Amino acid sequence: LEHLRSDARSWAAQVRTMGELSDLSLLGAKAGVAQFAQLEMAGSWSVA
């Protein structure tokens, strides 16, 4: 149960950080690359 609670807290922190990464979307929009944030995140985290 403590592991599950720790996972919940960690996931919430990831969600908050992901929200803070919205500035990448603004940066990409200014550069004319609509999906810049997703490309940057995908490359950094080795996900699709």
ModelCIF file with pLDDT and N, C-alpha, C, O atoms, coordinates in Angstrom:
data_MODEL
#
_entry.id   MODEL 
#
_entity.id                         1 
_entity.type                       polymer 
_entity.pdbx_number_of_molecules   1 
#
_entity_poly.entity_id                      1 
_entity_poly.type                           'polypeptide(L)' 
_entity_poly.nstd_linkage                   no 
_entity_poly.nstd_monomer                   no 
_entity_poly.pdbx_seq_one_letter_code       LEHLRSDARSWAAQVRTMGELSDLSLLGAKAGVAQFAQLEMAGSWSVA 
_entity_poly.pdbx_seq_one_letter_code_can   LEHLRSDARSWAAQVRTMGELSDLSLLGAKAGVAQFAQLEMAGSWSVA 
_entity_poly.pdbx_strand_id                 A 
#
loop_
_entity_poly_seq.entity_id 
_entity_poly_seq.num 
_entity_poly_seq.mon_id 
_entity_poly_seq.hetero 
1 1  LEU n 
1 2  GLU n 
1 3  HIS n 
1 4  LEU n 
1 5  ARG n 
1 6  SER n 
1 7  ASP n 
1 8  ALA n 
1 9  ARG n 
1 10 SER n 
1 11 TRP n 
1 12 ALA n 
1 13 ALA n 
1 14 GLN n 
1 15 VAL n 
1 16 ARG n 
1 17 THR n 
1 18 MET n 
1 19 GLY n 
1 20 GLU n 
1 21 LEU n 
1 22 SER n 
1 23 ASP n 
1 24 LEU n 
1 25 SER n 
1 26 LEU n 
1 27 LEU n 
1 28 GLY n 
1 29 ALA n 
1 30 LYS n 
1 31 ALA n 
1 32 GLY n 
1 33 VAL n 
1 34 ALA n 
1 35 GLN n 
1 36 PHE n 
1 37 ALA n 
1 38 GLN n 
1 39 LEU n 
1 40 GLU n 
1 41 MET n 
1 42 ALA n 
1 43 GLY n 
1 44 SER n 
1 45 TRP n 
1 46 SER n 
1 47 VAL n 
1 48 ALA n 
#
_struct_asym.id          A 
_struct_asym.entity_id   1 
#
loop_
_ma_qa_metric.id 
_ma_qa_metric.mode 
_ma_qa_metric.name 
_ma_qa_metric.software_group_id 
_ma_qa_metric.type 
1 global pLDDT . pLDDT 
2 local  pLDDT . pLDDT 
#
_ma_qa_metric_global.metric_id      1 
_ma_qa_metric_global.metric_value   84.23 
_ma_qa_metric_global.model_id       1 
_ma_qa_metric_global.ordinal_id     1 
#
loop_
_ma_qa_metric_local.label_asym_id 
_ma_qa_metric_local.label_comp_id 
_ma_qa_metric_local.label_seq_id 
_ma_qa_metric_local.metric_id 
_ma_qa_metric_local.metric_value 
_ma_qa_metric_local.model_id 
_ma_qa_metric_local.ordinal_id 
A LEU 1  2 97.00 1 1  
A GLU 2  2 98.00 1 2  
A HIS 3  2 98.00 1 3  
A LEU 4  2 97.00 1 4  
A ARG 5  2 98.00 1 5  
A SER 6  2 98.00 1 6  
A ASP 7  2 98.00 1 7  
A ALA 8  2 98.00 1 8  
A ARG 9  2 98.00 1 9  
A SER 10 2 98.00 1 10 
A TRP 11 2 97.00 1 11 
A ALA 12 2 98.00 1 12 
A ALA 13 2 97.00 1 13 
A GLN 14 2 96.00 1 14 
A VAL 15 2 95.00 1 15 
A ARG 16 2 94.00 1 16 
A THR 17 2 93.00 1 17 
A MET 18 2 90.00 1 18 
A GLY 19 2 85.00 1 19 
A GLU 20 2 84.00 1 20 
A LEU 21 2 83.00 1 21 
A SER 22 2 73.00 1 22 
A ASP 23 2 64.00 1 23 
A LEU 24 2 64.00 1 24 
A SER 25 2 66.00 1 25 
A LEU 26 2 65.00 1 26 
A LEU 27 2 66.00 1 27 
A GLY 28 2 63.00 1 28 
A ALA 29 2 66.00 1 29 
A LYS 30 2 71.00 1 30 
A ALA 31 2 68.00 1 31 
A GLY 32 2 68.00 1 32 
A VAL 33 2 64.00 1 33 
A ALA 34 2 62.00 1 34 
A GLN 35 2 64.00 1 35 
A PHE 36 2 72.00 1 36 
A ALA 37 2 76.00 1 37 
A GLN 38 2 80.00 1 38 
A LEU 39 2 83.00 1 39 
A GLU 40 2 84.00 1 40 
A MET 41 2 86.00 1 41 
A ALA 42 2 90.00 1 42 
A GLY 43 2 91.00 1 43 
A SER 44 2 92.00 1 44 
A TRP 45 2 92.00 1 45 
A SER 46 2 95.00 1 46 
A VAL 47 2 95.00 1 47 
A ALA 48 2 93.00 1 48 
#
loop_
_atom_site.group_PDB 
_atom_site.id 
_atom_site.type_symbol 
_atom_site.label_atom_id 
_atom_site.label_alt_id 
_atom_site.label_comp_id 
_atom_site.label_asym_id 
_atom_site.label_entity_id 
_atom_site.label_seq_id 
_atom_site.pdbx_PDB_ins_code 
_atom_site.Cartn_x 
_atom_site.Cartn_y 
_atom_site.Cartn_z 
_atom_site.occupancy 
_atom_site.B_iso_or_equiv 
_atom_site.pdbx_formal_charge 
_atom_site.auth_seq_id 
_atom_site.auth_comp_id 
_atom_site.auth_asym_id 
_atom_site.auth_atom_id 
_atom_site.pdbx_PDB_model_num 
ATOM 1   N N  . LEU A 1 1  ? 0.832  -1.201 0.000   1.00 97.00 ? 1  LEU A N  1 
ATOM 2   C CA . LEU A 1 1  ? 0.000  0.000  0.000   1.00 97.00 ? 1  LEU A CA 1 
ATOM 3   C C  . LEU A 1 1  ? 0.867  1.251  0.000   1.00 97.00 ? 1  LEU A C  1 
ATOM 4   O O  . LEU A 1 1  ? 0.552  2.222  -0.689  1.00 97.00 ? 1  LEU A O  1 
ATOM 5   N N  . GLU A 1 2  ? 1.945  1.239  0.759   1.00 98.00 ? 2  GLU A N  1 
ATOM 6   C CA . GLU A 1 2  ? 2.837  2.403  0.765   1.00 98.00 ? 2  GLU A CA 1 
ATOM 7   C C  . GLU A 1 2  ? 3.517  2.585  -0.592  1.00 98.00 ? 2  GLU A C  1 
ATOM 8   O O  . GLU A 1 2  ? 3.729  3.716  -1.027  1.00 98.00 ? 2  GLU A O  1 
ATOM 9   N N  . HIS A 1 3  ? 3.859  1.486  -1.263  1.00 98.00 ? 3  HIS A N  1 
ATOM 10  C CA . HIS A 1 3  ? 4.408  1.588  -2.623  1.00 98.00 ? 3  HIS A CA 1 
ATOM 11  C C  . HIS A 1 3  ? 3.386  2.212  -3.569  1.00 98.00 ? 3  HIS A C  1 
ATOM 12  O O  . HIS A 1 3  ? 3.735  3.063  -4.387  1.00 98.00 ? 3  HIS A O  1 
ATOM 13  N N  . LEU A 1 4  ? 2.125  1.791  -3.461  1.00 97.00 ? 4  LEU A N  1 
ATOM 14  C CA . LEU A 1 4  ? 1.073  2.351  -4.311  1.00 97.00 ? 4  LEU A CA 1 
ATOM 15  C C  . LEU A 1 4  ? 0.873  3.836  -4.018  1.00 97.00 ? 4  LEU A C  1 
ATOM 16  O O  . LEU A 1 4  ? 0.661  4.625  -4.939  1.00 97.00 ? 4  LEU A O  1 
ATOM 17  N N  . ARG A 1 5  ? 0.938  4.220  -2.755  1.00 98.00 ? 5  ARG A N  1 
ATOM 18  C CA . ARG A 1 5  ? 0.815  5.641  -2.404  1.00 98.00 ? 5  ARG A CA 1 
ATOM 19  C C  . ARG A 1 5  ? 1.996  6.432  -2.942  1.00 98.00 ? 5  ARG A C  1 
ATOM 20  O O  . ARG A 1 5  ? 1.829  7.548  -3.435  1.00 98.00 ? 5  ARG A O  1 
ATOM 21  N N  . SER A 1 6  ? 3.176  5.862  -2.848  1.00 98.00 ? 6  SER A N  1 
ATOM 22  C CA . SER A 1 6  ? 4.370  6.511  -3.385  1.00 98.00 ? 6  SER A CA 1 
ATOM 23  C C  . SER A 1 6  ? 4.261  6.675  -4.899  1.00 98.00 ? 6  SER A C  1 
ATOM 24  O O  . SER A 1 6  ? 4.636  7.715  -5.442  1.00 98.00 ? 6  SER A O  1 
ATOM 25  N N  . ASP A 1 7  ? 3.751  5.653  -5.577  1.00 98.00 ? 7  ASP A N  1 
ATOM 26  C CA . ASP A 1 7  ? 3.536  5.729  -7.016  1.00 98.00 ? 7  ASP A CA 1 
ATOM 27  C C  . ASP A 1 7  ? 2.539  6.841  -7.345  1.00 98.00 ? 7  ASP A C  1 
ATOM 28  O O  . ASP A 1 7  ? 2.738  7.581  -8.309  1.00 98.00 ? 7  ASP A O  1 
ATOM 29  N N  . ALA A 1 8  ? 1.479  6.964  -6.561  1.00 98.00 ? 8  ALA A N  1 
ATOM 30  C CA . ALA A 1 8  ? 0.474  8.014  -6.788  1.00 98.00 ? 8  ALA A CA 1 
ATOM 31  C C  . ALA A 1 8  ? 1.106  9.395  -6.640  1.00 98.00 ? 8  ALA A C  1 
ATOM 32  O O  . ALA A 1 8  ? 0.873  10.284 -7.460  1.00 98.00 ? 8  ALA A O  1 
ATOM 33  N N  . ARG A 1 9  ? 1.909  9.570  -5.584  1.00 98.00 ? 9  ARG A N  1 
ATOM 34  C CA . ARG A 1 9  ? 2.563  10.863 -5.372  1.00 98.00 ? 9  ARG A CA 1 
ATOM 35  C C  . ARG A 1 9  ? 3.543  11.177 -6.504  1.00 98.00 ? 9  ARG A C  1 
ATOM 36  O O  . ARG A 1 9  ? 3.617  12.313 -6.970  1.00 98.00 ? 9  ARG A O  1 
ATOM 37  N N  . SER A 1 10 ? 4.286  10.170 -6.937  1.00 98.00 ? 10 SER A N  1 
ATOM 38  C CA . SER A 1 10 ? 5.234  10.357 -8.033  1.00 98.00 ? 10 SER A CA 1 
ATOM 39  C C  . SER A 1 10 ? 4.512  10.696 -9.327  1.00 98.00 ? 10 SER A C  1 
ATOM 40  O O  . SER A 1 10 ? 4.940  11.588 -10.060 1.00 98.00 ? 10 SER A O  1 
ATOM 41  N N  . TRP A 1 11 ? 3.430  10.000 -9.612  1.00 97.00 ? 11 TRP A N  1 
ATOM 42  C CA . TRP A 1 11 ? 2.670  10.267 -10.833 1.00 97.00 ? 11 TRP A CA 1 
ATOM 43  C C  . TRP A 1 11 ? 2.070  11.664 -10.807 1.00 97.00 ? 11 TRP A C  1 
ATOM 44  O O  . TRP A 1 11 ? 2.053  12.356 -11.825 1.00 97.00 ? 11 TRP A O  1 
ATOM 45  N N  . ALA A 1 12 ? 1.575  12.082 -9.641  1.00 98.00 ? 12 ALA A N  1 
ATOM 46  C CA . ALA A 1 12 ? 1.034  13.441 -9.514  1.00 98.00 ? 12 ALA A CA 1 
ATOM 47  C C  . ALA A 1 12 ? 2.126  14.478 -9.784  1.00 98.00 ? 12 ALA A C  1 
ATOM 48  O O  . ALA A 1 12 ? 1.875  15.496 -10.429 1.00 98.00 ? 12 ALA A O  1 
ATOM 49  N N  . ALA A 1 13 ? 3.326  14.218 -9.294  1.00 97.00 ? 13 ALA A N  1 
ATOM 50  C CA . ALA A 1 13 ? 4.442  15.138 -9.549  1.00 97.00 ? 13 ALA A CA 1 
ATOM 51  C C  . ALA A 1 13 ? 4.766  15.177 -11.049 1.00 97.00 ? 13 ALA A C  1 
ATOM 52  O O  . ALA A 1 13 ? 5.080  16.239 -11.586 1.00 97.00 ? 13 ALA A O  1 
ATOM 53  N N  . GLN A 1 14 ? 4.693  14.037 -11.716 1.00 96.00 ? 14 GLN A N  1 
ATOM 54  C CA . GLN A 1 14 ? 4.916  14.001 -13.162 1.00 96.00 ? 14 GLN A CA 1 
ATOM 55  C C  . GLN A 1 14 ? 3.847  14.803 -13.889 1.00 96.00 ? 14 GLN A C  1 
ATOM 56  O O  . GLN A 1 14 ? 4.144  15.538 -14.831 1.00 96.00 ? 14 GLN A O  1 
ATOM 57  N N  . VAL A 1 15 ? 2.597  14.657 -13.447 1.00 95.00 ? 15 VAL A N  1 
ATOM 58  C CA . VAL A 1 15 ? 1.493  15.398 -14.070 1.00 95.00 ? 15 VAL A CA 1 
ATOM 59  C C  . VAL A 1 15 ? 1.712  16.897 -13.895 1.00 95.00 ? 15 VAL A C  1 
ATOM 60  O O  . VAL A 1 15 ? 1.540  17.660 -14.845 1.00 95.00 ? 15 VAL A O  1 
ATOM 61  N N  . ARG A 1 16 ? 2.087  17.324 -12.697 1.00 94.00 ? 16 ARG A N  1 
ATOM 62  C CA . ARG A 1 16 ? 2.344  18.754 -12.457 1.00 94.00 ? 16 ARG A CA 1 
ATOM 63  C C  . ARG A 1 16 ? 3.483  19.255 -13.348 1.00 94.00 ? 16 ARG A C  1 
ATOM 64  O O  . ARG A 1 16 ? 3.381  20.324 -13.950 1.00 94.00 ? 16 ARG A O  1 
ATOM 65  N N  . THR A 1 17 ? 4.563  18.480 -13.428 1.00 93.00 ? 17 THR A N  1 
ATOM 66  C CA . THR A 1 17 ? 5.700  18.878 -14.255 1.00 93.00 ? 17 THR A CA 1 
ATOM 67  C C  . THR A 1 17 ? 5.301  18.940 -15.716 1.00 93.00 ? 17 THR A C  1 
ATOM 68  O O  . THR A 1 17 ? 5.714  19.845 -16.442 1.00 93.00 ? 17 THR A O  1 
ATOM 69  N N  . MET A 1 18 ? 4.499  17.979 -16.148 1.00 90.00 ? 18 MET A N  1 
ATOM 70  C CA . MET A 1 18 ? 4.026  17.985 -17.537 1.00 90.00 ? 18 MET A CA 1 
ATOM 71  C C  . MET A 1 18 ? 3.235  19.258 -17.817 1.00 90.00 ? 18 MET A C  1 
ATOM 72  O O  . MET A 1 18 ? 3.351  19.841 -18.895 1.00 90.00 ? 18 MET A O  1 
ATOM 73  N N  . GLY A 1 19 ? 2.439  19.685 -16.856 1.00 85.00 ? 19 GLY A N  1 
ATOM 74  C CA . GLY A 1 19 ? 1.701  20.928 -17.018 1.00 85.00 ? 19 GLY A CA 1 
ATOM 75  C C  . GLY A 1 19 ? 2.628  22.122 -17.154 1.00 85.00 ? 19 GLY A C  1 
ATOM 76  O O  . GLY A 1 19 ? 2.338  23.063 -17.893 1.00 85.00 ? 19 GLY A O  1 
ATOM 77  N N  . GLU A 1 20 ? 3.737  22.083 -16.444 1.00 84.00 ? 20 GLU A N  1 
ATOM 78  C CA . GLU A 1 20 ? 4.707  23.169 -16.530 1.00 84.00 ? 20 GLU A CA 1 
ATOM 79  C C  . GLU A 1 20 ? 5.420  23.198 -17.880 1.00 84.00 ? 20 GLU A C  1 
ATOM 80  O O  . GLU A 1 20 ? 5.977  24.223 -18.273 1.00 84.00 ? 20 GLU A O  1 
ATOM 81  N N  . LEU A 1 21 ? 5.399  22.085 -18.577 1.00 83.00 ? 21 LEU A N  1 
ATOM 82  C CA . LEU A 1 21 ? 6.052  22.019 -19.882 1.00 83.00 ? 21 LEU A CA 1 
ATOM 83  C C  . LEU A 1 21 ? 5.209  22.640 -20.989 1.00 83.00 ? 21 LEU A C  1 
ATOM 84  O O  . LEU A 1 21 ? 5.588  22.594 -22.159 1.00 83.00 ? 21 LEU A O  1 
ATOM 85  N N  . SER A 1 22 ? 4.076  23.216 -20.627 1.00 73.00 ? 22 SER A N  1 
ATOM 86  C CA . SER A 1 22 ? 3.229  23.838 -21.652 1.00 73.00 ? 22 SER A CA 1 
ATOM 87  C C  . SER A 1 22 ? 3.940  24.995 -22.339 1.00 73.00 ? 22 SER A C  1 
ATOM 88  O O  . SER A 1 22 ? 3.571  25.380 -23.448 1.00 73.00 ? 22 SER A O  1 
ATOM 89  N N  . ASP A 1 23 ? 4.964  25.556 -21.682 1.00 64.00 ? 23 ASP A N  1 
ATOM 90  C CA . ASP A 1 23 ? 5.711  26.630 -22.332 1.00 64.00 ? 23 ASP A CA 1 
ATOM 91  C C  . ASP A 1 23 ? 6.441  26.131 -23.575 1.00 64.00 ? 23 ASP A C  1 
ATOM 92  O O  . ASP A 1 23 ? 6.751  26.918 -24.469 1.00 64.00 ? 23 ASP A O  1 
ATOM 93  N N  . LEU A 1 24 ? 6.718  24.820 -23.639 1.00 64.00 ? 24 LEU A N  1 
ATOM 94  C CA . LEU A 1 24 ? 7.307  24.264 -24.854 1.00 64.00 ? 24 LEU A CA 1 
ATOM 95  C C  . LEU A 1 24 ? 6.336  24.393 -26.023 1.00 64.00 ? 24 LEU A C  1 
ATOM 96  O O  . LEU A 1 24 ? 6.750  24.631 -27.158 1.00 64.00 ? 24 LEU A O  1 
ATOM 97  N N  . SER A 1 25 ? 5.058  24.237 -25.747 1.00 66.00 ? 25 SER A N  1 
ATOM 98  C CA . SER A 1 25 ? 4.055  24.381 -26.800 1.00 66.00 ? 25 SER A CA 1 
ATOM 99  C C  . SER A 1 25 ? 4.051  25.810 -27.328 1.00 66.00 ? 25 SER A C  1 
ATOM 100 O O  . SER A 1 25 ? 3.956  26.036 -28.534 1.00 66.00 ? 25 SER A O  1 
ATOM 101 N N  . LEU A 1 26 ? 4.155  26.771 -26.412 1.00 65.00 ? 26 LEU A N  1 
ATOM 102 C CA . LEU A 1 26 ? 4.184  28.173 -26.833 1.00 65.00 ? 26 LEU A CA 1 
ATOM 103 C C  . LEU A 1 26 ? 5.428  28.469 -27.656 1.00 65.00 ? 26 LEU A C  1 
ATOM 104 O O  . LEU A 1 26 ? 5.364  29.170 -28.666 1.00 65.00 ? 26 LEU A O  1 
ATOM 105 N N  . LEU A 1 27 ? 6.559  27.932 -27.218 1.00 66.00 ? 27 LEU A N  1 
ATOM 106 C CA . LEU A 1 27 ? 7.807  28.117 -27.953 1.00 66.00 ? 27 LEU A CA 1 
ATOM 107 C C  . LEU A 1 27 ? 7.707  27.521 -29.352 1.00 66.00 ? 27 LEU A C  1 
ATOM 108 O O  . LEU A 1 27 ? 8.135  28.131 -30.331 1.00 66.00 ? 27 LEU A O  1 
ATOM 109 N N  . GLY A 1 28 ? 7.135  26.321 -29.435 1.00 63.00 ? 28 GLY A N  1 
ATOM 110 C CA . GLY A 1 28 ? 6.966  25.676 -30.741 1.00 63.00 ? 28 GLY A CA 1 
ATOM 111 C C  . GLY A 1 28 ? 6.022  26.443 -31.636 1.00 63.00 ? 28 GLY A C  1 
ATOM 112 O O  . GLY A 1 28 ? 6.257  26.552 -32.839 1.00 63.00 ? 28 GLY A O  1 
ATOM 113 N N  . ALA A 1 29 ? 4.941  26.983 -31.058 1.00 66.00 ? 29 ALA A N  1 
ATOM 114 C CA . ALA A 1 29 ? 3.973  27.745 -31.854 1.00 66.00 ? 29 ALA A CA 1 
ATOM 115 C C  . ALA A 1 29 ? 4.636  28.992 -32.437 1.00 66.00 ? 29 ALA A C  1 
ATOM 116 O O  . ALA A 1 29 ? 4.374  29.359 -33.582 1.00 66.00 ? 29 ALA A O  1 
ATOM 117 N N  . LYS A 1 30 ? 5.494  29.642 -31.649 1.00 71.00 ? 30 LYS A N  1 
ATOM 118 C CA . LYS A 1 30 ? 6.188  30.827 -32.148 1.00 71.00 ? 30 LYS A CA 1 
ATOM 119 C C  . LYS A 1 30 ? 7.146  30.468 -33.276 1.00 71.00 ? 30 LYS A C  1 
ATOM 120 O O  . LYS A 1 30 ? 7.377  31.262 -34.188 1.00 71.00 ? 30 LYS A O  1 
ATOM 121 N N  . ALA A 1 31 ? 7.702  29.259 -33.202 1.00 68.00 ? 31 ALA A N  1 
ATOM 122 C CA . ALA A 1 31 ? 8.646  28.820 -34.236 1.00 68.00 ? 31 ALA A CA 1 
ATOM 123 C C  . ALA A 1 31 ? 7.933  28.202 -35.433 1.00 68.00 ? 31 ALA A C  1 
ATOM 124 O O  . ALA A 1 31 ? 8.572  27.830 -36.417 1.00 68.00 ? 31 ALA A O  1 
ATOM 125 N N  . GLY A 1 32 ? 6.613  28.094 -35.348 1.00 68.00 ? 32 GLY A N  1 
ATOM 126 C CA . GLY A 1 32 ? 5.854  27.524 -36.457 1.00 68.00 ? 32 GLY A CA 1 
ATOM 127 C C  . GLY A 1 32 ? 5.820  26.011 -36.464 1.00 68.00 ? 32 GLY A C  1 
ATOM 128 O O  . GLY A 1 32 ? 5.445  25.406 -37.469 1.00 68.00 ? 32 GLY A O  1 
ATOM 129 N N  . VAL A 1 33 ? 6.204  25.387 -35.360 1.00 64.00 ? 33 VAL A N  1 
ATOM 130 C CA . VAL A 1 33 ? 6.185  23.930 -35.252 1.00 64.00 ? 33 VAL A CA 1 
ATOM 131 C C  . VAL A 1 33 ? 5.131  23.562 -34.212 1.00 64.00 ? 33 VAL A C  1 
ATOM 132 O O  . VAL A 1 33 ? 5.395  23.601 -33.010 1.00 64.00 ? 33 VAL A O  1 
ATOM 133 N N  . ALA A 1 34 ? 3.941  23.206 -34.680 1.00 62.00 ? 34 ALA A N  1 
ATOM 134 C CA . ALA A 1 34 ? 2.810  22.990 -33.782 1.00 62.00 ? 34 ALA A CA 1 
ATOM 135 C C  . ALA A 1 34 ? 3.052  21.853 -32.793 1.00 62.00 ? 34 ALA A C  1 
ATOM 136 O O  . ALA A 1 34 ? 2.572  21.911 -31.661 1.00 62.00 ? 34 ALA A O  1 
ATOM 137 N N  . GLN A 1 35 ? 3.780  20.835 -33.197 1.00 64.00 ? 35 GLN A N  1 
ATOM 138 C CA . GLN A 1 35 ? 3.967  19.684 -32.318 1.00 64.00 ? 35 GLN A CA 1 
ATOM 139 C C  . GLN A 1 35 ? 5.358  19.650 -31.691 1.00 64.00 ? 35 GLN A C  1 
ATOM 140 O O  . GLN A 1 35 ? 5.865  18.579 -31.357 1.00 64.00 ? 35 GLN A O  1 
ATOM 141 N N  . PHE A 1 36 ? 5.963  20.801 -31.534 1.00 72.00 ? 36 PHE A N  1 
ATOM 142 C CA . PHE A 1 36 ? 7.310  20.878 -30.982 1.00 72.00 ? 36 PHE A CA 1 
ATOM 143 C C  . PHE A 1 36 ? 7.384  20.239 -29.600 1.00 72.00 ? 36 PHE A C  1 
ATOM 144 O O  . PHE A 1 36 ? 8.306  19.472 -29.325 1.00 72.00 ? 36 PHE A O  1 
ATOM 145 N N  . ALA A 1 37 ? 6.423  20.545 -28.726 1.00 76.00 ? 37 ALA A N  1 
ATOM 146 C CA . ALA A 1 37 ? 6.464  20.028 -27.357 1.00 76.00 ? 37 ALA A CA 1 
ATOM 147 C C  . ALA A 1 37 ? 6.426  18.507 -27.347 1.00 76.00 ? 37 ALA A C  1 
ATOM 148 O O  . ALA A 1 37 ? 7.202  17.866 -26.637 1.00 76.00 ? 37 ALA A O  1 
ATOM 149 N N  . GLN A 1 38 ? 5.524  17.929 -28.134 1.00 80.00 ? 38 GLN A N  1 
ATOM 150 C CA . GLN A 1 38 ? 5.428  16.476 -28.157 1.00 80.00 ? 38 GLN A CA 1 
ATOM 151 C C  . GLN A 1 38 ? 6.696  15.834 -28.729 1.00 80.00 ? 38 GLN A C  1 
ATOM 152 O O  . GLN A 1 38 ? 7.135  14.784 -28.260 1.00 80.00 ? 38 GLN A O  1 
ATOM 153 N N  . LEU A 1 39 ? 7.278  16.475 -29.744 1.00 83.00 ? 39 LEU A N  1 
ATOM 154 C CA . LEU A 1 39 ? 8.525  15.957 -30.308 1.00 83.00 ? 39 LEU A CA 1 
ATOM 155 C C  . LEU A 1 39 ? 9.654  16.018 -29.292 1.00 83.00 ? 39 LEU A C  1 
ATOM 156 O O  . LEU A 1 39 ? 10.430 15.073 -29.153 1.00 83.00 ? 39 LEU A O  1 
ATOM 157 N N  . GLU A 1 40 ? 9.740  17.135 -28.584 1.00 84.00 ? 40 GLU A N  1 
ATOM 158 C CA . GLU A 1 40 ? 10.788 17.299 -27.574 1.00 84.00 ? 40 GLU A CA 1 
ATOM 159 C C  . GLU A 1 40 ? 10.615 16.294 -26.439 1.00 84.00 ? 40 GLU A C  1 
ATOM 160 O O  . GLU A 1 40 ? 11.583 15.670 -26.005 1.00 84.00 ? 40 GLU A O  1 
ATOM 161 N N  . MET A 1 41 ? 9.385  16.138 -25.960 1.00 86.00 ? 41 MET A N  1 
ATOM 162 C CA . MET A 1 41 ? 9.130  15.196 -24.874 1.00 86.00 ? 41 MET A CA 1 
ATOM 163 C C  . MET A 1 41 ? 9.391  13.767 -25.330 1.00 86.00 ? 41 MET A C  1 
ATOM 164 O O  . MET A 1 41 ? 10.031 12.992 -24.620 1.00 86.00 ? 41 MET A O  1 
ATOM 165 N N  . ALA A 1 42 ? 8.899  13.418 -26.507 1.00 90.00 ? 42 ALA A N  1 
ATOM 166 C CA . ALA A 1 42 ? 9.077  12.056 -27.016 1.00 90.00 ? 42 ALA A CA 1 
ATOM 167 C C  . ALA A 1 42 ? 10.560 11.709 -27.130 1.00 90.00 ? 42 ALA A C  1 
ATOM 168 O O  . ALA A 1 42 ? 10.985 10.626 -26.731 1.00 90.00 ? 42 ALA A O  1 
ATOM 169 N N  . GLY A 1 43 ? 11.331 12.628 -27.673 1.00 91.00 ? 43 GLY A N  1 
ATOM 170 C CA . GLY A 1 43 ? 12.759 12.382 -27.808 1.00 91.00 ? 43 GLY A CA 1 
ATOM 171 C C  . GLY A 1 43 ? 13.480 12.295 -26.474 1.00 91.00 ? 43 GLY A C  1 
ATOM 172 O O  . GLY A 1 43 ? 14.375 11.467 -26.300 1.00 91.00 ? 43 GLY A O  1 
ATOM 173 N N  . SER A 1 44 ? 13.095 13.143 -25.537 1.00 92.00 ? 44 SER A N  1 
ATOM 174 C CA . SER A 1 44 ? 13.751 13.161 -24.227 1.00 92.00 ? 44 SER A CA 1 
ATOM 175 C C  . SER A 1 44 ? 13.423 11.935 -23.391 1.00 92.00 ? 44 SER A C  1 
ATOM 176 O O  . SER A 1 44 ? 14.254 11.459 -22.617 1.00 92.00 ? 44 SER A O  1 
ATOM 177 N N  . TRP A 1 45 ? 12.208 11.428 -23.551 1.00 92.00 ? 45 TRP A N  1 
ATOM 178 C CA . TRP A 1 45 ? 11.748 10.339 -22.674 1.00 92.00 ? 45 TRP A CA 1 
ATOM 179 C C  . TRP A 1 45 ? 11.693 8.983  -23.361 1.00 92.00 ? 45 TRP A C  1 
ATOM 180 O O  . TRP A 1 45 ? 11.261 7.998  -22.764 1.00 92.00 ? 45 TRP A O  1 
ATOM 181 N N  . SER A 1 46 ? 12.128 8.932  -24.611 1.00 95.00 ? 46 SER A N  1 
ATOM 182 C CA . SER A 1 46 ? 12.144 7.680  -25.377 1.00 95.00 ? 46 SER A CA 1 
ATOM 183 C C  . SER A 1 46 ? 10.760 7.033  -25.452 1.00 95.00 ? 46 SER A C  1 
ATOM 184 O O  . SER A 1 46 ? 10.598 5.834  -25.227 1.00 95.00 ? 46 SER A O  1 
ATOM 185 N N  . VAL A 1 47 ? 9.768  7.869  -25.777 1.00 95.00 ? 47 VAL A N  1 
ATOM 186 C CA . VAL A 1 47 ? 8.413  7.379  -25.997 1.00 95.00 ? 47 VAL A CA 1 
ATOM 187 C C  . VAL A 1 47 ? 7.950  7.859  -27.367 1.00 95.00 ? 47 VAL A C  1 
ATOM 188 O O  . VAL A 1 47 ? 8.573  8.727  -27.979 1.00 95.00 ? 47 VAL A O  1 
ATOM 189 N N  . ALA A 1 48 ? 6.854  7.285  -27.837 1.00 93.00 ? 48 ALA A N  1 
ATOM 190 C CA . ALA A 1 48 ? 6.285  7.715  -29.106 1.00 93.00 ? 48 ALA A CA 1 
ATOM 191 C C  . ALA A 1 48 ? 5.706  9.120  -28.971 1.00 93.00 ? 48 ALA A C  1 
ATOM 192 O O  . ALA A 1 48 ? 5.176  9.665  -29.940 1.00 93.00 ? 48 ALA A O  1 
#
